[in-house]
Every structure is written in C-alpha cells, then in structure tokens.
Amino acid sequence: MKTILLFQFWIISFCVVGQCNPSIFPTEIYYSNSTVTPTNVSGPEYLCGPNTIVYDTVEIGCRFVYANAFSTLYFKPTISCATASYIWLKSNSILNLVQGTGPTFVIHELGAIINNPFGVTISSSTCVAITFPVVNCTPTVLKENAYDNHFDIYPNPANDVLKIVSINEIKPSKIEILNCFGQLIKKETVSEVNSFNIKINDLPNGIYTLNLDNSGIRSSKKFVVLKQ
C-alpha cells in the first residue's frame, strides 16, 4: 500500500509540474511595481513583474506561484500543506526562502536567484525555458458594482448551505464557485430575488471563490467550507 501511495503521489506531482509547462491557471494576479502580502489566497498566484514584490509568508496551506522576470518572492514553506507547494521562477526573478517546514518544489530557469539563508529543505529542478499560462498583466478599471456594499454570503465558514443576500434585488444572474486552483466546480442560475441558497454539502473543506455575474457586472466573494 505504501508503494502504491508513493507512486500515486509521483504521478500527481508529475502532472502538476507538467515538466516546464505548468498548466494550472493563476487566479491571484500581482501587478508590476506593487508590493503585496497575501493573507487569504484562493488560488494560484502570478507575479507579473517587473518590480513585483510578494511576501507569501503566512501559514495558508499549499500554494502554486509563478514568478516572472525581475519580480521578488518571499516564501515560507508551511507544514499545513499536506501534499506540496510549487514555485516556478523565470530567469532574473528572486526567491527568498523564509524559515519554515513543508514540502516545496522549485522549478526555475537559469539565471533565477534562490536565497536560502535558513537552509530550508526544498526540491529544485532547472528548465531551459518555462512556459507560463497566458495572463493579462495590465490592470483594468472595473465597472462600478452597485452590489459590492450590499451583496453578502453567510454563514462563513459554512458546511451545508451558503446563503447569498442582497439589499437590492438580484437580477437574473450566473453564480460560479471555484476551488483554490481556480477550477469551476459548481454553477447556478439565479432568478430575480433578494436571497438565494446554494447547497455546498458536497464540497470538501477548503477555501472557495463565489463569482456573481449580474447583467455583466461581476462580483467575487471568498468563503470557507469547514465541516466537523
């Protein structure tokens, strides 16, 4: 049984890394000339660069991070990640490892810099070139959302039913629920109501993102599924 589990983990690791062509689409985008300290990451992270600095040092479980050239990532491996965190580094990016414990794979191009003053244990491999998923790194001015101050979800954390509530009437809308990898796992259509319930009893524990598309105006809320 132990041999089978190790083999399954190797297969999962191989598929996730995808050699030098990772395919997991990022949902957390950090733009050029910005400094960010993530505290509640819902999906894979993407450092656009140049001059993007991210302090990803909070205990928030497994992470998938793409670091473009001339960006800097401070990263703390976390023991709360039961499988592994993955970091992909383009040439001229910098990874500064912060003292911590947890399985971490670093895949990097030649010219990437890895600073490890605490001797953190990682697994690393080198690629001649890494092909990132195509991401729009140009910040866009979002359309003002009349629901931002009135649209809410509860309970949070939840374990059975998630309730969407709005002071204003929710027009016919599409609701999507994405997992921490940015994958669509549930989709609903809402009629013109002030509240709407979605069953989430089939979702495992974790952090999710709920997207509400209301006549072209898009809102997002994060929630946690936590079962006893």
Foldseek 3Di string as FASTA:
>chain_A
DVVVVVVVLVVVVCQQPVPQEGDQDFDAEFAELDEEEDDAAFAEYEDPDQRYEYEPDYQHEAYEYEYEANYEYEHEAECNHPREHEYEEEANYEYEYDYYDHEYEYEYEPNYYYHDPPPYDYHYDYDPHHHYPDDDNDDDDADDDPFPVFWDWDDFQDAFKIKIAGPAWQDFKKKFKAGSSRHTDDIDTDHGGGMDMDTDNVPDWHKMKIWIQGVNHIDIDIGTHDDD
